[in-house]
Amino acid sequence: MTLGKIIKELVCSVKDPKLNPSKLFLVRALNVDLSEKEEQFVALESRLGLGKGDIVLLVFGSGSRKVEGNTDLPIDCAVTAKVETVNIDDKYLGLR
C-alpha cells in the first residue's frame, strides 16, 4: 500500500465499458510525513466520491482487483481509502 495525493482527474472519452462509472485519477506518491515523492500513478476510484487534493491509500496489482466492485476490471492500481490523518511515532519516521 502507498500513500498518495490526487492531483488530477483523467478524462477519457473512450475507455473499456467496465470502467464506467469509475473515475481515473493521476496520483502523486507521498512519504509518511505527507511530503511528495516524484512517483505518479494512474489509479481507479469507483465508490468513494473523492477528488483533487484528497490524500488516499493506494493498492496495486491483484490487490487492486480485490477492492469491492473492481473484481473484473482491467486495472493495476486502485484507491481504497481517504486518509484523514497519519499518526506515526517519531522513532519510526527514519524507517522509510
PDB file of N, CA and C in Angstrom:
ATOM      1  N   MET A   1       0.840  -1.172   0.000  1.00  0.00           N
ATOM      2  CA  MET A   1       0.000   0.000   0.000  1.00  0.00           C
ATOM      3  C   MET A   1       0.884   1.235   0.000  1.00  0.00           C
ATOM      4  N   THR A   2       0.381   2.287  -0.601  1.00  0.00           N
ATOM      5  CA  THR A   2       1.119   3.535  -0.740  1.00  0.00           C
ATOM      6  C   THR A   2       0.200   4.705  -0.453  1.00  0.00           C
ATOM      7  N   LEU A   3       0.738   5.713   0.220  1.00  0.00           N
ATOM      8  CA  LEU A   3       0.009   6.965   0.398  1.00  0.00           C
ATOM      9  C   LEU A   3       0.140   7.792  -0.869  1.00  0.00           C
ATOM     10  N   GLY A   4      -0.908   8.523  -1.207  1.00  0.00           N
ATOM     11  CA  GLY A   4      -0.858   9.374  -2.388  1.00  0.00           C
ATOM     12  C   GLY A   4      -1.785  10.555  -2.251  1.00  0.00           C
ATOM     13  N   LYS A   5      -1.590  11.528  -3.138  1.00  0.00           N
ATOM     14  CA  LYS A   5      -2.447  12.715  -3.197  1.00  0.00           C
ATOM     15  C   LYS A   5      -2.980  12.827  -4.617  1.00  0.00           C
ATOM     16  N   ILE A   6      -4.302  12.911  -4.740  1.00  0.00           N
ATOM     17  CA  ILE A   6      -4.922  13.062  -6.055  1.00  0.00           C
ATOM     18  C   ILE A   6      -4.555  14.439  -6.594  1.00  0.00           C
ATOM     19  N   ILE A   7      -3.926  14.452  -7.785  1.00  0.00           N
ATOM     20  CA  ILE A   7      -3.528  15.741  -8.350  1.00  0.00           C
ATOM     21  C   ILE A   7      -4.357  16.144  -9.568  1.00  0.00           C
ATOM     22  N   LYS A   8      -4.924  15.166 -10.272  1.00  0.00           N
ATOM     23  CA  LYS A   8      -5.774  15.490 -11.429  1.00  0.00           C
ATOM     24  C   LYS A   8      -6.734  14.346 -11.709  1.00  0.00           C
ATOM     25  N   GLU A   9      -7.890  14.690 -12.221  1.00  0.00           N
ATOM     26  CA  GLU A   9      -8.796  13.669 -12.741  1.00  0.00           C
ATOM     27  C   GLU A   9      -8.495  13.505 -14.219  1.00  0.00           C
ATOM     28  N   LEU A  10      -8.433  12.268 -14.684  1.00  0.00           N
ATOM     29  CA  LEU A  10      -8.207  11.999 -16.096  1.00  0.00           C
ATOM     30  C   LEU A  10      -9.555  11.856 -16.783  1.00  0.00           C
ATOM     31  N   VAL A  11      -9.737  12.555 -17.871  1.00  0.00           N
ATOM     32  CA  VAL A  11     -10.972  12.469 -18.642  1.00  0.00           C
ATOM     33  C   VAL A  11     -10.683  11.601 -19.857  1.00  0.00           C
ATOM     34  N   CYS A  12     -11.382  10.494 -19.949  1.00  0.00           N
ATOM     35  CA  CYS A  12     -11.185   9.536 -21.041  1.00  0.00           C
ATOM     36  C   CYS A  12     -12.485   9.403 -21.808  1.00  0.00           C
ATOM     37  N   SER A  13     -12.514   9.910 -23.031  1.00  0.00           N
ATOM     38  CA  SER A  13     -13.759   9.839 -23.805  1.00  0.00           C
ATOM     39  C   SER A  13     -14.006   8.431 -24.346  1.00  0.00           C
ATOM     40  N   VAL A  14     -12.950   7.643 -24.503  1.00  0.00           N
ATOM     41  CA  VAL A  14     -13.087   6.268 -24.944  1.00  0.00           C
ATOM     42  C   VAL A  14     -12.322   5.402 -23.948  1.00  0.00           C
ATOM     43  N   LYS A  15     -13.034   4.453 -23.316  1.00  0.00           N
ATOM     44  CA  LYS A  15     -12.393   3.540 -22.366  1.00  0.00           C
ATOM     45  C   LYS A  15     -13.182   2.246 -22.294  1.00  0.00           C
ATOM     46  N   ASP A  16     -12.584   1.240 -21.703  1.00  0.00           N
ATOM     47  CA  ASP A  16     -13.248  -0.041 -21.526  1.00  0.00           C
ATOM     48  C   ASP A  16     -14.584   0.200 -20.813  1.00  0.00           C
ATOM     49  N   PRO A  17     -15.692  -0.311 -21.340  1.00  0.00           N
ATOM     50  CA  PRO A  17     -17.002  -0.085 -20.726  1.00  0.00           C
ATOM     51  C   PRO A  17     -17.086  -0.544 -19.268  1.00  0.00           C
ATOM     52  N   LYS A  18     -16.249  -1.515 -18.881  1.00  0.00           N
ATOM     53  CA  LYS A  18     -16.258  -1.985 -17.499  1.00  0.00           C
ATOM     54  C   LYS A  18     -15.797  -0.889 -16.529  1.00  0.00           C
ATOM     55  N   LEU A  19     -15.085   0.105 -17.023  1.00  0.00           N
ATOM     56  CA  LEU A  19     -14.588   1.171 -16.153  1.00  0.00           C
ATOM     57  C   LEU A  19     -15.640   2.228 -15.818  1.00  0.00           C
ATOM     58  N   ASN A  20     -16.781   2.199 -16.506  1.00  0.00           N
ATOM     59  CA  ASN A  20     -17.855   3.144 -16.194  1.00  0.00           C
ATOM     60  C   ASN A  20     -18.609   2.672 -14.965  1.00  0.00           C
ATOM     61  N   PRO A  21     -19.011   3.486 -14.038  1.00  0.00           N
ATOM     62  CA  PRO A  21     -18.854   4.934 -13.933  1.00  0.00           C
ATOM     63  C   PRO A  21     -17.651   5.355 -13.086  1.00  0.00           C
ATOM     64  N   SER A  22     -16.649   4.512 -12.960  1.00  0.00           N
ATOM     65  CA  SER A  22     -15.482   4.824 -12.141  1.00  0.00           C
ATOM     66  C   SER A  22     -14.721   6.035 -12.673  1.00  0.00           C
ATOM     67  N   LYS A  23     -13.912   6.626 -11.789  1.00  0.00           N
ATOM     68  CA  LYS A  23     -13.061   7.748 -12.166  1.00  0.00           C
ATOM     69  C   LYS A  23     -11.611   7.299 -12.162  1.00  0.00           C
ATOM     70  N   LEU A  24     -10.824   7.878 -13.064  1.00  0.00           N
ATOM     71  CA  LEU A  24      -9.384   7.646 -13.107  1.00  0.00           C
ATOM     72  C   LEU A  24      -8.685   8.925 -12.661  1.00  0.00           C
ATOM     73  N   PHE A  25      -7.730   8.773 -11.759  1.00  0.00           N
ATOM     74  CA  PHE A  25      -7.009   9.928 -11.233  1.00  0.00           C
ATOM     75  C   PHE A  25      -5.512   9.757 -11.422  1.00  0.00           C
ATOM     76  N   LEU A  26      -4.825  10.881 -11.598  1.00  0.00           N
ATOM     77  CA  LEU A  26      -3.374  10.917 -11.516  1.00  0.00           C
ATOM     78  C   LEU A  26      -3.054  11.202 -10.056  1.00  0.00           C
ATOM     79  N   VAL A  27      -2.269  10.316  -9.441  1.00  0.00           N
ATOM     80  CA  VAL A  27      -1.995  10.399  -8.005  1.00  0.00           C
ATOM     81  C   VAL A  27      -0.482  10.472  -7.791  1.00  0.00           C
ATOM     82  N   ARG A  28      -0.035  11.441  -6.990  1.00  0.00           N
ATOM     83  CA  ARG A  28       1.388  11.564  -6.648  1.00  0.00           C
ATOM     84  C   ARG A  28       1.650  10.825  -5.347  1.00  0.00           C
ATOM     85  N   ALA A  29       2.693   9.988  -5.335  1.00  0.00           N
ATOM     86  CA  ALA A  29       3.057   9.241  -4.135  1.00  0.00           C
ATOM     87  C   ALA A  29       3.531  10.191  -3.039  1.00  0.00           C
ATOM     88  N   LEU A  30       3.248   9.828  -1.782  1.00  0.00           N
ATOM     89  CA  LEU A  30       3.639  10.635  -0.630  1.00  0.00           C
ATOM     90  C   LEU A  30       4.469   9.810   0.343  1.00  0.00           C
ATOM     91  N   ASN A  31       5.361  10.500   1.069  1.00  0.00           N
ATOM     92  CA  ASN A  31       6.058   9.899   2.203  1.00  0.00           C
ATOM     93  C   ASN A  31       5.111   9.894   3.397  1.00  0.00           C
ATOM     94  N   VAL A  32       5.487   9.221   4.482  1.00  0.00           N
ATOM     95  CA  VAL A  32       4.616   9.164   5.656  1.00  0.00           C
ATOM     96  C   VAL A  32       4.431  10.521   6.319  1.00  0.00           C
ATOM     97  N   ASP A  33       5.360  11.464   6.076  1.00  0.00           N
ATOM     98  CA  ASP A  33       5.186  12.825   6.608  1.00  0.00           C
ATOM     99  C   ASP A  33       4.378  13.704   5.651  1.00  0.00           C
ATOM    100  N   LEU A  34       3.812  13.073   4.602  1.00  0.00           N
ATOM    101  CA  LEU A  34       2.970  13.681   3.573  1.00  0.00           C
ATOM    102  C   LEU A  34       3.731  14.590   2.619  1.00  0.00           C
ATOM    103  N   SER A  35       5.068  14.543   2.635  1.00  0.00           N
ATOM    104  CA  SER A  35       5.842  15.246   1.611  1.00  0.00           C
ATOM    105  C   SER A  35       5.743  14.438   0.312  1.00  0.00           C
ATOM    106  N   GLU A  36       5.808  15.146  -0.817  1.00  0.00           N
ATOM    107  CA  GLU A  36       5.603  14.492  -2.107  1.00  0.00           C
ATOM    108  C   GLU A  36       6.859  13.788  -2.605  1.00  0.00           C
ATOM    109  N   LYS A  37       6.640  12.655  -3.254  1.00  0.00           N
ATOM    110  CA  LYS A  37       7.690  11.924  -3.954  1.00  0.00           C
ATOM    111  C   LYS A  37       7.587  12.266  -5.440  1.00  0.00           C
ATOM    112  N   GLU A  38       8.532  11.800  -6.232  1.00  0.00           N
ATOM    113  CA  GLU A  38       8.497  12.020  -7.679  1.00  0.00           C
ATOM    114  C   GLU A  38       7.508  11.097  -8.386  1.00  0.00           C
ATOM    115  N   GLU A  39       7.263   9.912  -7.811  1.00  0.00           N
ATOM    116  CA  GLU A  39       6.418   8.907  -8.461  1.00  0.00           C
ATOM    117  C   GLU A  39       4.971   9.375  -8.619  1.00  0.00           C
ATOM    118  N   GLN A  40       4.400   9.022  -9.754  1.00  0.00           N
ATOM    119  CA  GLN A  40       2.987   9.269 -10.011  1.00  0.00           C
ATOM    120  C   GLN A  40       2.357   7.994 -10.549  1.00  0.00           C
ATOM    121  N   PHE A  41       1.073   7.828 -10.271  1.00  0.00           N
ATOM    122  CA  PHE A  41       0.350   6.638 -10.692  1.00  0.00           C
ATOM    123  C   PHE A  41      -1.011   7.044 -11.247  1.00  0.00           C
ATOM    124  N   VAL A  42      -1.557   6.199 -12.108  1.00  0.00           N
ATOM    125  CA  VAL A  42      -2.955   6.328 -12.517  1.00  0.00           C
ATOM    126  C   VAL A  42      -3.725   5.321 -11.670  1.00  0.00           C
ATOM    127  N   ALA A  43      -4.729   5.814 -10.946  1.00  0.00           N
ATOM    128  CA  ALA A  43      -5.487   4.955 -10.031  1.00  0.00           C
ATOM    129  C   ALA A  43      -6.985   5.081 -10.302  1.00  0.00           C
ATOM    130  N   LEU A  44      -7.677   3.982 -10.148  1.00  0.00           N
ATOM    131  CA  LEU A  44      -9.131   3.939 -10.306  1.00  0.00           C
ATOM    132  C   LEU A  44      -9.805   4.168  -8.961  1.00  0.00           C
ATOM    133  N   GLU A  45     -10.831   4.980  -8.963  1.00  0.00           N
ATOM    134  CA  GLU A  45     -11.642   5.222  -7.751  1.00  0.00           C
ATOM    135  C   GLU A  45     -13.096   5.069  -8.167  1.00  0.00           C
ATOM    136  N   SER A  46     -13.809   4.149  -7.518  1.00  0.00           N
ATOM    137  CA  SER A  46     -15.148   3.856  -8.020  1.00  0.00           C
ATOM    138  C   SER A  46     -16.295   4.126  -7.069  1.00  0.00           C
ATOM    139  N   ARG A  47     -16.067   4.219  -5.769  1.00  0.00           N
ATOM    140  CA  ARG A  47     -17.221   4.307  -4.855  1.00  0.00           C
ATOM    141  C   ARG A  47     -17.059   5.312  -3.728  1.00  0.00           C
ATOM    142  N   LEU A  48     -15.939   6.004  -3.674  1.00  0.00           N
ATOM    143  CA  LEU A  48     -15.665   6.844  -2.508  1.00  0.00           C
ATOM    144  C   LEU A  48     -15.993   8.321  -2.716  1.00  0.00           C
ATOM    145  N   GLY A  49     -16.194   8.755  -3.941  1.00  0.00           N
ATOM    146  CA  GLY A  49     -16.545  10.143  -4.217  1.00  0.00           C
ATOM    147  C   GLY A  49     -15.415  11.120  -3.933  1.00  0.00           C
ATOM    148  N   LEU A  50     -14.187  10.728  -4.214  1.00  0.00           N
ATOM    149  CA  LEU A  50     -13.030  11.568  -3.913  1.00  0.00           C
ATOM    150  C   LEU A  50     -12.657  12.435  -5.098  1.00  0.00           C
ATOM    151  N   GLY A  51     -11.731  13.373  -4.863  1.00  0.00           N
ATOM    152  CA  GLY A  51     -11.321  14.270  -5.933  1.00  0.00           C
ATOM    153  C   GLY A  51      -9.987  14.926  -5.649  1.00  0.00           C
ATOM    154  N   LYS A  52      -9.658  15.895  -6.480  1.00  0.00           N
ATOM    155  CA  LYS A  52      -8.371  16.591  -6.424  1.00  0.00           C
ATOM    156  C   LYS A  52      -8.076  17.094  -5.011  1.00  0.00           C
ATOM    157  N   GLY A  53      -6.840  16.815  -4.559  1.00  0.00           N
ATOM    158  CA  GLY A  53      -6.394  17.266  -3.253  1.00  0.00           C
ATOM    159  C   GLY A  53      -6.570  16.263  -2.135  1.00  0.00           C
ATOM    160  N   ASP A  54      -7.382  15.245  -2.347  1.00  0.00           N
ATOM    161  CA  ASP A  54      -7.593  14.237  -1.303  1.00  0.00           C
ATOM    162  C   ASP A  54      -6.351  13.365  -1.133  1.00  0.00           C
ATOM    163  N   ILE A  55      -6.023  13.050   0.127  1.00  0.00           N
ATOM    164  CA  ILE A  55      -4.957  12.117   0.456  1.00  0.00           C
ATOM    165  C   ILE A  55      -5.595  10.729   0.512  1.00  0.00           C
ATOM    166  N   VAL A  56      -4.980   9.772  -0.191  1.00  0.00           N
ATOM    167  CA  VAL A  56      -5.599   8.462  -0.351  1.00  0.00           C
ATOM    168  C   VAL A  56      -4.603   7.335  -0.093  1.00  0.00           C
ATOM    169  N   LEU A  57      -5.150   6.140   0.093  1.00  0.00           N
ATOM    170  CA  LEU A  57      -4.371   4.929   0.225  1.00  0.00           C
ATOM    171  C   LEU A  57      -4.547   4.127  -1.063  1.00  0.00           C
ATOM    172  N   LEU A  58      -3.426   3.745  -1.675  1.00  0.00           N
ATOM    173  CA  LEU A  58      -3.451   3.022  -2.939  1.00  0.00           C
ATOM    174  C   LEU A  58      -3.038   1.569  -2.746  1.00  0.00           C
ATOM    175  N   VAL A  59      -3.629   0.684  -3.528  1.00  0.00           N
ATOM    176  CA  VAL A  59      -3.172  -0.706  -3.609  1.00  0.00           C
ATOM    177  C   VAL A  59      -2.878  -1.012  -5.075  1.00  0.00           C
ATOM    178  N   PHE A  60      -1.983  -1.981  -5.280  1.00  0.00           N
ATOM    179  CA  PHE A  60      -1.510  -2.280  -6.632  1.00  0.00           C
ATOM    180  C   PHE A  60      -1.687  -3.751  -6.967  1.00  0.00           C
ATOM    181  N   GLY A  61      -1.596  -4.054  -8.250  1.00  0.00           N
ATOM    182  CA  GLY A  61      -1.632  -5.426  -8.727  1.00  0.00           C
ATOM    183  C   GLY A  61      -2.933  -6.132  -8.397  1.00  0.00           C
ATOM    184  N   SER A  62      -2.819  -7.397  -8.004  1.00  0.00           N
ATOM    185  CA  SER A  62      -4.020  -8.184  -7.728  1.00  0.00           C
ATOM    186  C   SER A  62      -4.828  -7.591  -6.576  1.00  0.00           C
ATOM    187  N   GLY A  63      -4.176  -6.893  -5.652  1.00  0.00           N
ATOM    188  CA  GLY A  63      -4.898  -6.242  -4.550  1.00  0.00           C
ATOM    189  C   GLY A  63      -5.887  -5.198  -5.042  1.00  0.00           C
ATOM    190  N   SER A  64      -5.574  -4.545  -6.155  1.00  0.00           N
ATOM    191  CA  SER A  64      -6.483  -3.522  -6.682  1.00  0.00           C
ATOM    192  C   SER A  64      -7.771  -4.129  -7.217  1.00  0.00           C
ATOM    193  N   ARG A  65      -7.725  -5.396  -7.591  1.00  0.00           N
ATOM    194  CA  ARG A  65      -8.929  -6.073  -8.088  1.00  0.00           C
ATOM    195  C   ARG A  65      -9.709  -6.755  -6.982  1.00  0.00           C
ATOM    196  N   LYS A  66      -9.246  -6.651  -5.752  1.00  0.00           N
ATOM    197  CA  LYS A  66      -9.982  -7.201  -4.612  1.00  0.00           C
ATOM    198  C   LYS A  66     -10.839  -6.138  -3.922  1.00  0.00           C
ATOM    199  N   VAL A  67     -10.663  -4.880  -4.319  1.00  0.00           N
ATOM    200  CA  VAL A  67     -11.495  -3.802  -3.792  1.00  0.00           C
ATOM    201  C   VAL A  67     -12.917  -4.024  -4.298  1.00  0.00           C
ATOM    202  N   GLU A  68     -13.899  -3.837  -3.420  1.00  0.00           N
ATOM    203  CA  GLU A  68     -15.293  -4.090  -3.789  1.00  0.00           C
ATOM    204  C   GLU A  68     -15.664  -3.376  -5.085  1.00  0.00           C
ATOM    205  N   GLY A  69     -16.218  -4.134  -6.010  1.00  0.00           N
ATOM    206  CA  GLY A  69     -16.653  -3.588  -7.289  1.00  0.00           C
ATOM    207  C   GLY A  69     -15.594  -3.629  -8.373  1.00  0.00           C
ATOM    208  N   ASN A  70     -14.352  -3.992  -8.039  1.00  0.00           N
ATOM    209  CA  ASN A  70     -13.271  -3.990  -9.023  1.00  0.00           C
ATOM    210  C   ASN A  70     -12.905  -5.377  -9.540  1.00  0.00           C
ATOM    211  N   THR A  71     -13.618  -6.392  -9.133  1.00  0.00           N
ATOM    212  CA  THR A  71     -13.233  -7.782  -9.392  1.00  0.00           C
ATOM    213  C   THR A  71     -12.884  -8.067 -10.844  1.00  0.00           C
ATOM    214  N   ASP A  72     -13.653  -7.599 -11.779  1.00  0.00           N
ATOM    215  CA  ASP A  72     -13.432  -7.923 -13.190  1.00  0.00           C
ATOM    216  C   ASP A  72     -12.876  -6.760 -13.995  1.00  0.00           C
ATOM    217  N   LEU A  73     -12.293  -5.785 -13.327  1.00  0.00           N
ATOM    218  CA  LEU A  73     -11.804  -4.605 -14.039  1.00  0.00           C
ATOM    219  C   LEU A  73     -10.344  -4.756 -14.462  1.00  0.00           C
ATOM    220  N   PRO A  74      -9.999  -4.196 -15.619  1.00  0.00           N
ATOM    221  CA  PRO A  74      -8.624  -4.267 -16.120  1.00  0.00           C
ATOM    222  C   PRO A  74      -7.758  -3.162 -15.501  1.00  0.00           C
ATOM    223  N   ILE A  75      -7.427  -3.295 -14.211  1.00  0.00           N
ATOM    224  CA  ILE A  75      -6.689  -2.242 -13.522  1.00  0.00           C
ATOM    225  C   ILE A  75      -5.489  -2.808 -12.768  1.00  0.00           C
ATOM    226  N   ASP A  76      -4.558  -1.911 -12.449  1.00  0.00           N
ATOM    227  CA  ASP A  76      -3.370  -2.297 -11.694  1.00  0.00           C
ATOM    228  C   ASP A  76      -3.161  -1.436 -10.453  1.00  0.00           C
ATOM    229  N   CYS A  77      -3.990  -0.399 -10.277  1.00  0.00           N
ATOM    230  CA  CYS A  77      -3.861   0.497  -9.122  1.00  0.00           C
ATOM    231  C   CYS A  77      -5.247   1.034  -8.765  1.00  0.00           C
ATOM    232  N   ALA A  78      -5.600   0.958  -7.476  1.00  0.00           N
ATOM    233  CA  ALA A  78      -6.919   1.418  -7.040  1.00  0.00           C
ATOM    234  C   ALA A  78      -6.820   2.207  -5.742  1.00  0.00           C
ATOM    235  N   VAL A  79      -7.703   3.180  -5.601  1.00  0.00           N
ATOM    236  CA  VAL A  79      -7.844   3.936  -4.358  1.00  0.00           C
ATOM    237  C   VAL A  79      -8.733   3.119  -3.434  1.00  0.00           C
ATOM    238  N   THR A  80      -8.262   2.888  -2.189  1.00  0.00           N
ATOM    239  CA  THR A  80      -9.046   2.076  -1.258  1.00  0.00           C
ATOM    240  C   THR A  80      -9.598   2.862  -0.084  1.00  0.00           C
ATOM    241  N   ALA A  81      -9.035   4.045   0.186  1.00  0.00           N
ATOM    242  CA  ALA A  81      -9.480   4.806   1.355  1.00  0.00           C
ATOM    243  C   ALA A  81      -9.053   6.256   1.240  1.00  0.00           C
ATOM    244  N   LYS A  82      -9.798   7.133   1.902  1.00  0.00           N
ATOM    245  CA  LYS A  82      -9.388   8.522   2.081  1.00  0.00           C
ATOM    246  C   LYS A  82      -8.665   8.601   3.423  1.00  0.00           C
ATOM    247  N   VAL A  83      -7.483   9.196   3.427  1.00  0.00           N
ATOM    248  CA  VAL A  83      -6.679   9.307   4.641  1.00  0.00           C
ATOM    249  C   VAL A  83      -6.936  10.675   5.273  1.00  0.00           C
ATOM    250  N   GLU A  84      -7.406  10.667   6.508  1.00  0.00           N
ATOM    251  CA  GLU A  84      -7.673  11.917   7.224  1.00  0.00           C
ATOM    252  C   GLU A  84      -6.427  12.417   7.962  1.00  0.00           C
ATOM    253  N   THR A  85      -5.750  11.503   8.664  1.00  0.00           N
ATOM    254  CA  THR A  85      -4.535  11.862   9.395  1.00  0.00           C
ATOM    255  C   THR A  85      -3.570  10.682   9.365  1.00  0.00           C
ATOM    256  N   VAL A  86      -2.299  10.995   9.579  1.00  0.00           N
ATOM    257  CA  VAL A  86      -1.268   9.971   9.694  1.00  0.00           C
ATOM    258  C   VAL A  86      -0.629  10.147  11.062  1.00  0.00           C
ATOM    259  N   ASN A  87      -0.746   9.150  11.911  1.00  0.00           N
ATOM    260  CA  ASN A  87      -0.176   9.205  13.264  1.00  0.00           C
ATOM    261  C   ASN A  87       0.939   8.171  13.363  1.00  0.00           C
ATOM    262  N   ILE A  88       2.167   8.646  13.315  1.00  0.00           N
ATOM    263  CA  ILE A  88       3.322   7.754  13.387  1.00  0.00           C
ATOM    264  C   ILE A  88       4.271   8.295  14.438  1.00  0.00           C
ATOM    265  N   ASP A  89       4.674   7.442  15.358  1.00  0.00           N
ATOM    266  CA  ASP A  89       5.633   7.819  16.387  1.00  0.00           C
ATOM    267  C   ASP A  89       6.928   8.255  15.704  1.00  0.00           C
ATOM    268  N   ASP A  90       7.553   9.323  16.198  1.00  0.00           N
ATOM    269  CA  ASP A  90       8.768   9.869  15.596  1.00  0.00           C
ATOM    270  C   ASP A  90       9.872   8.829  15.432  1.00  0.00           C
ATOM    271  N   LYS A  91       9.939   7.844  16.314  1.00  0.00           N
ATOM    272  CA  LYS A  91      11.002   6.852  16.219  1.00  0.00           C
ATOM    273  C   LYS A  91      10.898   5.999  14.957  1.00  0.00           C
ATOM    274  N   TYR A  92       9.739   5.981  14.299  1.00  0.00           N
ATOM    275  CA  TYR A  92       9.559   5.196  13.094  1.00  0.00           C
ATOM    276  C   TYR A  92       9.757   6.002  11.817  1.00  0.00           C
ATOM    277  N   LEU A  93       9.877   7.297  11.900  1.00  0.00           N
ATOM    278  CA  LEU A  93       9.958   8.129  10.710  1.00  0.00           C
ATOM    279  C   LEU A  93      11.236   7.885   9.904  1.00  0.00           C
ATOM    280  N   GLY A  94      12.283   7.400  10.515  1.00  0.00           N
ATOM    281  CA  GLY A  94      13.524   7.124   9.806  1.00  0.00           C
ATOM    282  C   GLY A  94      13.541   5.806   9.076  1.00  0.00           C
ATOM    283  N   LEU A  95      12.449   5.042   9.126  1.00  0.00           N
ATOM    284  CA  LEU A  95      12.423   3.705   8.532  1.00  0.00           C
ATOM    285  C   LEU A  95      11.918   3.665   7.099  1.00  0.00           C
ATOM    286  N   ARG A  96      11.743   4.777   6.453  1.00  0.00           N
ATOM    287  CA  ARG A  96      11.191   4.813   5.083  1.00  0.00           C
ATOM    288  C   ARG A  96      12.025   4.050   4.185  1.00  0.00           C
TER     289      ARG A  96
END
